Structure formats: structure tokens, C-alpha cells
Amino acid sequence: MTGHSIQLDQHGRLIHFLTTEGLSRQILTSILDYAESFAGVSGRAIKKVPLLRGKTVANLFFESSTRTRTTFELAAKRLSADVLNINIAMSATSKGEALQDTLHTLEAMHCDLFVVRHGNSGAAHFIAGQVADNVRVINAGDGRHAHPTQAMLDMFTIRRHKPDFESLRIAIVGDIAHSRVARSNIHALNTLGVSDIRVIAPKTLIPEDVESLGVQVFHDLNEGLRDVDVITMLRLQRERISNAVLPSEEEYFQCFGLTEARLSVASPDAIVMHPGPINRGIEIDSQVADGERSVILQQVSHGIAIRMAVMAMVMGVAPGDGMVGE
């Protein structure tokens, strides 16, 4: 399921943002360029632009994620939209009300955009297929499937440090099998022209068909990191260890944790990324996470600009429509 057809209107414009898979380089680049125009808004005395004034954005988080929800909320408010945070655990869906009924109730309140986080793969696509024609949907993470705005904030962070995607060597390290971030990043990197994408993990955390996505597989961290320009460390869910997919946290860190010594085999100006929140001492050593090569906090800041860009684009506010500058 690429979601390509449902994401674009007949003129090829973005109307929902559900996955990076199947989108053109032109669309991904226009998201990055548009986000660039928003990047300075956070530094202003008044951190707002009026592009979505009068619009209502509903955050529908069926799965908790403080960081993603708050950056979407900030992005919507900086675009001057009204924001509804729907606590799904406390709402009618937990009393058995069907998802469609909840959606139609919110539509009746004239919500214009749903930001959806759900534990089931495909949930955002399902919702995009149910909503009225004038309502937009952004996927804030669905199951193991996709997390497209995280991928785009990662692309934005990479581009700010290393603008020539085609020359880059990029490594993604950790739980590839269960990671929607890895999947979305791989699709975006391929589309933007990166020819050397490496995934590094124990055999138990690599999906069987991963080579078909256009990546090289490594089970040895030092070998996989050799001469790479960008390293993305993935969060390790502790239940993978309790489910015996991995022996122990200590052993995982010993083999796949990023330390200063391991970083030394990468390119001298390699950057280190992590979608957060970090498990220090499991995926990454604190010295590296807080070190000069780390761009982890920049990723968080860039997340606001990217989410502003995506919201504005799906709502039909094109970059040339003005009002971004002061």
C-alpha cells in the first residue's frame, strides 16, 4: 500500500501526508524548501504566521507520544490554527464507539485537519479514505508502517549539514524490523537520490525483505559505519529484550551501541541522529548523544518547521502565497 493515489489530487498536489513511499522527489524537495521558510519563525518575538487562521486541527493520538504531539500542536499554533487535542483513551472510542463515528462527530465540529497516531499499520490511510473531501489527514505514525513527518525532519536535518544527497553514505542502526522511522527514511532517502543506504542490526531485528527497499545489510557495526556521513540510531524498545529477540541491554550496547570509538570509523564530519527519546547506554553513549557530532536536538527544532510546512501544503497554502516572511 503506497498511499500514492490517496495522497495527491488530480493535479498532483499533496492533500494528505500518509507515507513518504511513492511521492516524487519534487514533492519531498518542496516540503523541505517550504520548511526552510518556516525555520526562522521560532526565533521571532511573535512566533506566528497567519496561514491557517480560522482552521481547526485535531490531534487524534490513539498511541501516546509527547514529543510528536507537542511539536504538531506547536506547529499548528504557529500557523495560527485552533488545536484540539483528543485524548482517545478517555474518549468515546474506549467505550466502544466506532472510529468512523468519532471521525464524523469531529467533522461535524468543522475540523479541517486530522493528525493521526495509531498503533495499527494502515490506520491513517483508512481514516483518509473515510473523511469528507475537504478534510485533510497527516500520519503521525502508524504501527510499523510509516512516520513520514519524522522522515522529513530527518531529511531536513541532513540537508542543512550535507546538501548533496546523491554523494552521501547513510547508516540506520538498530531495530529495523519494527521501525516505522527506518521504513519512511529509507523511502525518502531513495527518492532524494542516496545510493548508499546501510542498515545495521542483529539478524533478529532485520526484516526478511529489507534488501528489496534498496539497502545493504550489515550485522557488524564497525564494518557498517565505515566512512558513512550520517548515522541514524533507532530507539530500542525494551520489550524486544524481554521477548528474547535480544540477549540483554548490556550485550546489545556492547555490539550495537554507538560510542566515540565506534564513531571514529565513520567519516570525520559524520553527523549522528536519533528520533528520540534516547535510551542512553543502550543505543548510544551519552558522550556521543551530547557531543559535537550530535544533531539530535536540532532534529526536534526542525520537526516544528517540517510539520508547519506539511500542514500548510495539505491545506492548500502554497509556498508562494506570502505571509511567511515578517
Protein backbone atom coordinates (compact mmCIF):
# COMPACT_ATOMS: atom_id res chain seq x y z
CA MET A 1 0.00 0.00 0.00
CA THR A 2 1.83 3.11 -1.18
CA GLY A 3 -0.92 5.60 -0.48
CA HIS A 4 0.33 7.46 -3.56
CA SER A 5 -3.08 7.91 -5.18
CA ILE A 6 -4.89 8.91 -2.00
CA GLN A 7 -2.21 11.47 -1.03
CA LEU A 8 -2.42 13.57 -4.19
CA ASP A 9 -5.24 15.35 -6.01
CA GLN A 10 -5.70 15.13 -9.79
CA HIS A 11 -3.21 17.97 -10.25
CA GLY A 12 -0.51 16.09 -8.30
CA ARG A 13 -0.76 18.33 -5.24
CA LEU A 14 -0.39 16.92 -1.74
CA ILE A 15 -3.77 16.64 0.04
CA HIS A 16 -2.90 14.03 2.71
CA PHE A 17 0.54 13.10 4.06
CA LEU A 18 0.44 9.41 4.94
CA THR A 19 3.76 7.95 3.79
CA THR A 20 6.96 9.02 2.02
CA GLU A 21 6.65 5.96 -0.22
CA GLY A 22 5.64 6.74 -3.79
CA LEU A 23 5.99 10.52 -3.52
CA SER A 24 8.16 12.27 -6.11
CA ARG A 25 11.47 13.95 -5.44
CA GLN A 26 9.80 17.22 -6.44
CA ILE A 27 7.19 16.91 -3.66
CA LEU A 28 9.73 15.90 -1.00
CA THR A 29 12.02 18.77 -2.04
CA SER A 30 9.15 21.27 -1.97
CA ILE A 31 8.34 20.18 1.62
CA LEU A 32 11.99 20.76 2.59
CA ASP A 33 12.12 24.13 0.82
CA TYR A 34 8.85 25.26 2.41
CA ALA A 35 10.10 24.19 5.86
CA GLU A 36 13.20 26.33 5.28
CA SER A 37 10.93 29.38 5.07
CA PHE A 38 9.41 28.47 8.47
CA ALA A 39 12.69 27.69 10.22
CA GLY A 40 13.19 31.31 11.26
CA VAL A 41 9.71 31.76 12.78
CA SER A 42 10.76 30.17 16.09
CA GLY A 43 13.39 32.87 16.60
CA ARG A 44 10.95 35.77 16.31
CA ALA A 45 9.43 37.73 19.15
CA ILE A 46 5.97 36.73 17.85
CA LYS A 47 6.26 33.12 16.75
CA LYS A 48 3.21 33.10 14.47
CA VAL A 49 2.23 33.38 10.84
CA PRO A 50 -1.45 33.69 9.85
CA LEU A 51 -1.52 30.99 7.15
CA LEU A 52 -4.06 28.69 8.84
CA ARG A 53 -6.04 31.28 10.77
CA GLY A 54 -9.64 30.10 11.16
CA LYS A 55 -8.73 26.44 10.54
CA THR A 56 -9.09 23.71 13.19
CA VAL A 57 -6.53 20.93 13.62
CA ALA A 58 -7.46 17.85 15.68
CA ASN A 59 -4.66 15.76 17.15
CA LEU A 60 -6.02 12.18 17.27
CA PHE A 61 -3.44 10.21 19.23
CA PHE A 62 -4.54 6.62 19.82
CA GLU A 63 -0.98 5.95 20.98
CA SER A 64 0.85 8.29 23.30
CA SER A 65 3.82 10.33 22.11
CA THR A 66 4.54 13.54 23.95
CA ARG A 67 7.26 14.76 21.58
CA THR A 68 5.37 14.22 18.32
CA ARG A 69 2.04 15.52 19.67
CA THR A 70 3.56 18.67 21.18
CA THR A 71 5.54 19.52 18.01
CA PHE A 72 2.38 19.11 15.90
CA GLU A 73 0.49 21.27 18.39
CA LEU A 74 3.18 23.97 18.32
CA ALA A 75 3.34 23.84 14.52
CA ALA A 76 -0.43 24.28 14.20
CA LYS A 77 -0.47 27.16 16.69
CA ARG A 78 2.42 28.88 14.89
CA LEU A 79 0.32 28.73 11.74
CA SER A 80 -2.48 30.41 13.78
CA ALA A 81 -4.80 27.37 13.65
CA ASP A 82 -7.05 26.31 16.52
CA VAL A 83 -5.96 23.00 18.02
CA LEU A 84 -8.00 20.22 19.60
CA ASN A 85 -6.08 17.52 21.48
CA ILE A 86 -8.35 14.48 21.67
CA ASN A 87 -7.34 12.13 24.45
CA ILE A 88 -8.51 8.92 22.79
CA ALA A 89 -8.00 6.79 25.89
CA MET A 90 -10.59 8.95 27.67
CA SER A 91 -12.87 9.46 24.66
CA ALA A 92 -15.84 7.55 23.36
CA THR A 93 -13.73 5.12 21.30
CA SER A 94 -12.66 3.45 24.55
CA LYS A 95 -16.37 2.97 25.32
CA GLY A 96 -16.83 1.14 22.03
CA GLU A 97 -17.81 3.99 19.74
CA ALA A 98 -16.61 3.13 16.24
CA LEU A 99 -13.70 5.05 14.81
CA GLN A 100 -15.87 6.26 11.92
CA ASP A 101 -18.45 7.70 14.34
CA THR A 102 -15.72 9.57 16.20
CA LEU A 103 -14.42 10.98 12.91
CA HIS A 104 -17.83 12.08 11.71
CA THR A 105 -18.53 13.74 15.07
CA LEU A 106 -15.30 15.73 14.75
CA GLU A 107 -16.13 16.61 11.14
CA ALA A 108 -19.49 17.93 12.34
CA MET A 109 -17.48 20.28 14.59
CA HIS A 110 -15.83 21.53 11.37
CA CYS A 111 -12.32 20.17 11.95
CA ASP A 112 -10.21 20.77 8.85
CA LEU A 113 -7.22 18.54 9.52
CA PHE A 114 -6.66 15.34 11.50
CA VAL A 115 -3.19 14.45 12.76
CA VAL A 116 -3.39 10.71 13.44
CA ARG A 117 -1.14 8.49 15.57
CA HIS A 118 -2.25 4.85 15.77
CA GLY A 119 -0.77 1.51 16.79
CA ASN A 120 -2.18 -0.27 13.72
CA SER A 121 -0.40 -0.08 10.37
CA GLY A 122 -2.68 1.48 7.76
CA ALA A 123 -4.89 3.37 10.24
CA ALA A 124 -4.08 6.78 8.75
CA HIS A 125 -4.85 5.51 5.22
CA PHE A 126 -8.15 4.13 6.47
CA ILE A 127 -9.09 7.45 8.06
CA ALA A 128 -8.06 9.39 4.92
CA GLY A 129 -10.42 7.17 2.94
CA GLN A 130 -13.31 7.90 5.32
CA VAL A 131 -13.17 11.66 5.82
CA ALA A 132 -15.09 14.27 3.82
CA ASP A 133 -13.40 15.66 0.69
CA ASN A 134 -12.47 18.94 2.37
CA VAL A 135 -10.77 17.29 5.38
CA ARG A 136 -7.04 16.53 5.38
CA VAL A 137 -5.12 13.78 7.21
CA ILE A 138 -1.47 13.65 8.31
CA ASN A 139 0.03 10.40 9.57
CA ALA A 140 1.92 10.96 12.84
CA GLY A 141 2.97 7.30 12.98
CA ASP A 142 1.01 4.11 12.32
CA GLY A 143 2.13 0.73 13.65
CA ARG A 144 5.32 -0.47 11.95
CA HIS A 145 4.30 1.15 8.69
CA ALA A 146 5.22 4.83 8.39
CA HIS A 147 6.19 8.02 10.20
CA PRO A 148 6.53 10.44 7.29
CA THR A 149 6.98 13.74 9.16
CA GLN A 150 9.80 12.20 11.22
CA ALA A 151 11.44 11.09 7.97
CA MET A 152 11.11 14.58 6.52
CA LEU A 153 12.53 16.32 9.58
CA ASP A 154 15.44 13.86 9.32
CA MET A 155 15.88 14.76 5.62
CA PHE A 156 15.74 18.46 6.54
CA THR A 157 18.40 17.97 9.23
CA ILE A 158 20.64 16.04 6.83
CA ARG A 159 20.21 18.64 4.07
CA ARG A 160 21.17 21.50 6.38
CA HIS A 161 24.51 19.80 7.10
CA LYS A 162 25.10 17.88 3.85
CA PRO A 163 23.08 19.30 0.96
CA ASP A 164 24.22 16.87 -1.76
CA PHE A 165 22.10 13.76 -1.08
CA GLU A 166 23.49 11.85 -4.06
CA SER A 167 27.02 11.71 -2.65
CA LEU A 168 26.04 10.54 0.85
CA ARG A 169 26.60 7.26 2.66
CA ILE A 170 23.94 6.81 5.32
CA ALA A 171 23.63 4.18 8.05
CA ILE A 172 20.48 3.32 10.03
CA VAL A 173 21.28 1.29 13.15
CA GLY A 174 19.03 -0.75 15.42
CA ASP A 175 15.59 -2.28 15.37
CA ILE A 176 14.91 -2.08 11.63
CA ALA A 177 12.24 -4.81 11.75
CA HIS A 178 9.81 -2.89 13.97
CA SER A 179 10.70 0.68 12.96
CA ARG A 180 8.31 2.89 11.00
CA VAL A 181 11.01 5.60 11.13
CA ALA A 182 13.52 3.35 9.33
CA ARG A 183 10.98 2.45 6.65
CA SER A 184 9.93 6.07 6.00
CA ASN A 185 13.55 7.26 6.00
CA ILE A 186 14.64 4.58 3.51
CA HIS A 187 11.85 5.54 1.08
CA ALA A 188 12.71 9.26 1.37
CA LEU A 189 16.47 8.71 1.02
CA ASN A 190 15.98 6.58 -2.10
CA THR A 191 13.72 9.23 -3.64
CA LEU A 192 16.20 12.01 -2.86
CA GLY A 193 18.95 10.09 -4.67
CA VAL A 194 21.03 8.50 -1.88
CA SER A 195 22.62 5.39 -3.42
CA ASP A 196 24.47 4.05 -0.35
CA ILE A 197 21.96 3.28 2.41
CA ARG A 198 23.06 0.78 5.05
CA VAL A 199 21.03 -0.93 7.75
CA ILE A 200 22.96 -2.32 10.70
CA ALA A 201 21.38 -4.64 13.27
CA PRO A 202 21.40 -8.12 14.76
CA LYS A 203 19.81 -10.73 12.48
CA THR A 204 16.72 -10.89 14.73
CA LEU A 205 16.00 -7.18 14.10
CA ILE A 206 16.30 -7.19 10.29
CA PRO A 207 13.15 -7.86 8.24
CA GLU A 208 13.48 -10.60 5.61
CA ASP A 209 12.70 -8.45 2.58
CA VAL A 210 14.72 -5.39 3.56
CA GLU A 211 17.16 -5.58 0.61
CA SER A 212 14.20 -5.04 -1.73
CA LEU A 213 14.00 -1.49 -0.30
CA GLY A 214 17.41 -0.73 -1.82
CA VAL A 215 19.68 -1.06 1.23
CA GLN A 216 22.79 -3.01 2.17
CA VAL A 217 22.58 -5.14 5.32
CA PHE A 218 25.37 -5.28 7.92
CA HIS A 219 25.47 -7.27 11.17
CA ASP A 220 28.78 -5.74 12.28
CA LEU A 221 28.61 -2.13 13.46
CA ASN A 222 32.24 -1.21 12.73
CA GLU A 223 32.02 -2.58 9.22
CA GLY A 224 28.68 -0.87 8.51
CA LEU A 225 29.78 2.53 9.84
CA ARG A 226 32.97 2.71 7.79
CA ASP A 227 33.17 6.10 6.03
CA VAL A 228 29.46 6.94 6.47
CA ASP A 229 28.36 10.59 6.51
CA VAL A 230 25.14 10.23 8.51
CA ILE A 231 24.28 7.79 11.32
CA THR A 232 20.69 7.38 12.50
CA MET A 233 20.38 5.41 15.73
CA LEU A 234 16.93 3.88 16.31
CA ARG A 235 15.26 3.55 19.68
CA LEU A 236 15.32 0.02 21.09
CA GLN A 237 12.03 -0.99 22.68
CA ARG A 238 12.77 -2.78 25.94
CA GLU A 239 10.14 -5.45 25.21
CA ARG A 240 12.40 -6.77 22.40
CA ILE A 241 14.77 -7.89 25.15
CA SER A 242 12.07 -9.36 27.40
CA ASN A 243 10.70 -11.21 24.32
CA ALA A 244 14.12 -12.85 23.90
CA VAL A 245 14.72 -11.27 20.49
CA LEU A 246 17.92 -9.94 22.08
CA PRO A 247 20.00 -11.37 24.95
CA SER A 248 20.37 -8.27 27.18
CA GLU A 249 20.68 -4.48 27.13
CA GLU A 250 24.35 -4.75 28.05
CA GLU A 251 25.12 -7.13 25.21
CA TYR A 252 23.17 -5.03 22.72
CA PHE A 253 25.15 -1.93 23.72
CA GLN A 254 28.40 -3.86 23.51
CA CYS A 255 27.68 -4.93 19.93
CA PHE A 256 25.47 -2.15 18.51
CA GLY A 257 25.71 0.86 20.86
CA LEU A 258 27.29 3.97 19.35
CA THR A 259 30.39 5.05 21.26
CA GLU A 260 33.14 7.58 20.46
CA ALA A 261 35.42 4.69 19.44
CA ARG A 262 32.86 3.28 17.01
CA LEU A 263 32.10 6.74 15.64
CA SER A 264 35.78 7.12 14.73
CA VAL A 265 35.42 4.71 11.76
CA ALA A 266 32.78 6.96 10.16
CA SER A 267 33.63 10.00 8.05
CA PRO A 268 35.39 12.68 10.19
CA ASP A 269 32.45 15.08 9.78
CA ALA A 270 29.68 12.48 10.15
CA ILE A 271 26.54 13.60 11.97
CA VAL A 272 24.61 11.49 14.49
CA MET A 273 20.80 11.48 14.59
CA HIS A 274 18.15 9.77 16.76
CA PRO A 275 14.35 10.10 16.52
CA GLY A 276 14.12 10.15 20.34
CA PRO A 277 13.51 9.58 23.10
CA ILE A 278 17.02 8.18 23.62
CA ASN A 279 17.88 5.14 25.73
CA ARG A 280 21.31 6.29 26.91
CA GLY A 281 23.75 3.46 27.39
CA ILE A 282 21.68 1.10 25.23
CA GLU A 283 21.65 2.55 21.69
CA ILE A 284 24.04 5.40 22.24
CA ASP A 285 26.63 6.57 24.72
CA SER A 286 25.91 9.90 26.46
CA GLN A 287 29.24 11.31 25.22
CA VAL A 288 28.06 10.81 21.64
CA ALA A 289 24.46 11.89 22.25
CA ASP A 290 25.66 15.16 23.80
CA GLY A 291 28.77 15.50 21.63
CA GLU A 292 29.61 17.90 18.81
CA ARG A 293 28.60 15.43 16.06
CA SER A 294 25.10 15.01 17.51
CA VAL A 295 22.26 16.87 15.79
CA ILE A 296 19.53 15.24 17.91
CA LEU A 297 18.20 18.48 19.44
CA GLN A 298 18.29 20.18 16.03
CA GLN A 299 16.01 17.39 14.78
CA VAL A 300 13.43 18.38 17.42
CA SER A 301 13.52 22.06 16.38
CA HIS A 302 13.35 21.14 12.69
CA GLY A 303 10.32 18.98 13.44
CA ILE A 304 8.26 22.11 14.06
CA ALA A 305 9.24 23.73 10.72
CA ILE A 306 8.60 20.49 8.78
CA ARG A 307 5.19 19.98 10.40
CA MET A 308 4.26 23.60 9.67
CA ALA A 309 5.24 23.04 6.02
CA VAL A 310 3.27 19.80 5.67
CA MET A 311 0.16 21.24 7.36
CA ALA A 312 0.23 24.33 5.15
CA MET A 313 0.75 22.26 1.99
CA VAL A 314 -2.07 19.78 2.60
CA MET A 315 -4.36 22.70 3.43
CA GLY A 316 -3.57 24.17 0.02
CA VAL A 317 -1.45 27.11 1.17
CA ALA A 318 1.37 27.12 -1.37
CA PRO A 319 4.85 28.45 -0.55
CA GLY A 320 4.29 31.38 -2.92
CA ASP A 321 1.20 32.57 -1.04
CA GLY A 322 3.22 35.01 1.05
CA MET A 323 2.80 35.79 4.74
CA VAL A 324 5.76 33.59 5.71
CA GLY A 325 8.18 36.48 5.84
CA GLU A 326 7.91 39.09 8.54
